[in-house]
Amino acid sequence: MKNIRIGYLSQSPEFDIDATVMEQVFKGDSDILTLVRDYEAVTADLEKAPHDQALIQSQLNLMQEMNAKNAWELESQVKMVLTTLGVHDFKAKIGTLSGGQKKRVALAQALITPCDL
C-alpha cells in the first residue's frame, strides 16, 4: 500500500500565465506526462537541428517508450476532457482565461493525471 498515488484538485491551483491550455494540463509530474513532455521537447529540438544524430536516437528511444506505455492517445484524451469541460481553445494562454476556465483546466489536469485515489 505504500505506492498509492493520490490525486487532488487544489482550491487555489498555481498556473503559468504564459503557458497554453495544453502545456498547463501536461505540467503534471506523473511518469506518462513526463514522457510526453520529453518527447515533445526532443521533437521541437529536432525541428531546429534535423540531422542531429543524438536527437534522432533520443526521439526513437522515446517513441519506443511511448509505444510501450500507450502514451500516444493521451493528447486526444486531454482534448476530449477539456472539450467536455467546455474549454475549446487549446492554444489559449492561461493568462487570458477567466477564473472559471482556469479552474476547468486545473480539473482536466487532475483528471488526466494517473492516480489510485
Protein backbone atom coordinates (compact mmCIF):
# COMPACT_ATOMS: atom_id res chain seq x y z
CA MET A 1 0.00 0.00 0.00
CA LYS A 2 2.96 2.36 0.09
CA ASN A 3 2.88 3.02 -3.67
CA ILE A 4 -0.60 4.51 -3.79
CA ARG A 5 -0.81 7.66 -5.91
CA ILE A 6 -3.26 10.26 -4.62
CA GLY A 7 -4.65 12.95 -6.90
CA TYR A 8 -6.38 16.12 -5.80
CA LEU A 9 -7.57 19.44 -7.12
CA SER A 10 -6.25 22.40 -5.16
CA GLN A 11 -8.70 25.15 -4.27
CA SER A 12 -6.13 27.67 -5.50
CA PRO A 13 -4.11 25.96 -8.23
CA GLU A 14 -0.96 27.67 -9.45
CA PHE A 15 -0.78 28.49 -13.14
CA ASP A 16 1.91 29.53 -15.56
CA ILE A 17 0.14 32.51 -17.15
CA ASP A 18 2.32 32.26 -20.27
CA ALA A 19 1.57 28.56 -20.85
CA THR A 20 -1.10 27.40 -23.26
CA VAL A 21 -4.02 25.34 -22.03
CA MET A 22 -2.38 22.13 -23.32
CA GLU A 23 1.01 23.00 -21.81
CA GLN A 24 -0.62 23.63 -18.44
CA VAL A 25 -2.50 20.34 -18.46
CA PHE A 26 0.71 18.45 -19.27
CA LYS A 27 2.61 20.06 -16.36
CA GLY A 28 1.74 17.14 -14.08
CA ASP A 29 4.54 15.03 -12.63
CA SER A 30 3.37 11.52 -13.48
CA ASP A 31 5.69 9.27 -15.47
CA ILE A 32 3.49 9.34 -18.55
CA LEU A 33 3.16 13.14 -18.57
CA THR A 34 6.92 13.48 -18.17
CA LEU A 35 7.40 11.07 -21.06
CA VAL A 36 5.08 13.06 -23.32
CA ARG A 37 6.81 16.35 -22.38
CA ASP A 38 10.24 14.81 -23.09
CA TYR A 39 9.07 13.52 -26.46
CA GLU A 40 7.59 16.92 -27.39
CA ALA A 41 10.81 18.71 -26.35
CA VAL A 42 13.04 16.40 -28.41
CA THR A 43 10.70 16.72 -31.39
CA ALA A 44 10.86 20.53 -31.14
CA ASP A 45 14.67 20.38 -30.92
CA LEU A 46 14.76 18.12 -33.99
CA GLU A 47 12.86 20.74 -35.98
CA LYS A 48 15.76 23.11 -35.32
CA ALA A 49 18.50 20.51 -35.91
CA PRO A 50 17.02 17.76 -38.11
CA HIS A 51 20.35 15.99 -38.71
CA ASP A 52 21.47 15.75 -35.08
CA GLN A 53 22.03 12.00 -34.59
CA ALA A 54 21.83 12.18 -30.80
CA LEU A 55 18.41 13.86 -31.01
CA ILE A 56 17.24 11.33 -33.60
CA GLN A 57 18.28 8.45 -31.34
CA SER A 58 16.68 10.11 -28.32
CA GLN A 59 13.43 10.53 -30.25
CA LEU A 60 13.49 6.87 -31.32
CA ASN A 61 14.02 5.75 -27.72
CA LEU A 62 11.19 7.98 -26.52
CA MET A 63 8.91 6.69 -29.30
CA GLN A 64 9.53 3.11 -28.16
CA GLU A 65 8.71 4.08 -24.59
CA MET A 66 5.58 5.94 -25.79
CA ASN A 67 4.51 2.77 -27.61
CA ALA A 68 5.18 0.58 -24.57
CA LYS A 69 3.13 2.86 -22.30
CA ASN A 70 0.34 3.60 -24.83
CA ALA A 71 1.07 7.31 -24.41
CA TRP A 72 0.05 8.28 -27.95
CA GLU A 73 -3.63 8.52 -27.00
CA LEU A 74 -3.02 10.91 -24.11
CA GLU A 75 -3.24 14.12 -26.15
CA SER A 76 -6.60 13.13 -27.66
CA GLN A 77 -7.84 12.14 -24.20
CA VAL A 78 -6.79 15.53 -22.83
CA LYS A 79 -8.59 17.33 -25.66
CA MET A 80 -11.71 15.24 -25.06
CA VAL A 81 -11.69 16.05 -21.32
CA LEU A 82 -11.12 19.76 -21.99
CA THR A 83 -13.92 19.85 -24.57
CA THR A 84 -16.28 18.05 -22.18
CA LEU A 85 -15.44 20.69 -19.55
CA GLY A 86 -16.18 23.49 -22.02
CA VAL A 87 -12.61 24.51 -22.86
CA HIS A 88 -12.25 24.57 -26.64
CA ASP A 89 -9.24 26.81 -27.38
CA PHE A 90 -6.32 24.54 -26.53
CA LYS A 91 -3.74 27.14 -27.62
CA ALA A 92 -5.14 29.96 -25.47
CA LYS A 93 -2.71 31.39 -22.92
CA ILE A 94 -3.70 30.69 -19.32
CA GLY A 95 -3.35 34.39 -18.52
CA THR A 96 -6.22 35.21 -20.90
CA LEU A 97 -8.71 32.78 -19.33
CA SER A 98 -11.44 33.60 -16.85
CA GLY A 99 -11.28 32.19 -13.33
CA GLY A 100 -13.84 29.53 -14.20
CA GLN A 101 -11.94 28.47 -17.30
CA LYS A 102 -8.72 28.22 -15.29
CA LYS A 103 -10.48 26.01 -12.75
CA ARG A 104 -11.68 23.73 -15.58
CA VAL A 105 -8.10 23.48 -16.91
CA ALA A 106 -6.95 22.52 -13.40
CA LEU A 107 -9.75 19.93 -13.22
CA ALA A 108 -8.68 18.49 -16.59
CA GLN A 109 -5.10 18.26 -15.31
CA ALA A 110 -6.30 16.39 -12.22
CA LEU A 111 -8.48 14.05 -14.28
CA ILE A 112 -5.74 13.00 -16.72
CA THR A 113 -3.05 12.52 -14.07
CA PRO A 114 -2.92 8.79 -13.28
CA CYS A 115 -3.75 8.10 -9.62
CA ASP A 116 -5.23 5.40 -7.39
CA LEU A 117 -7.34 7.68 -5.22
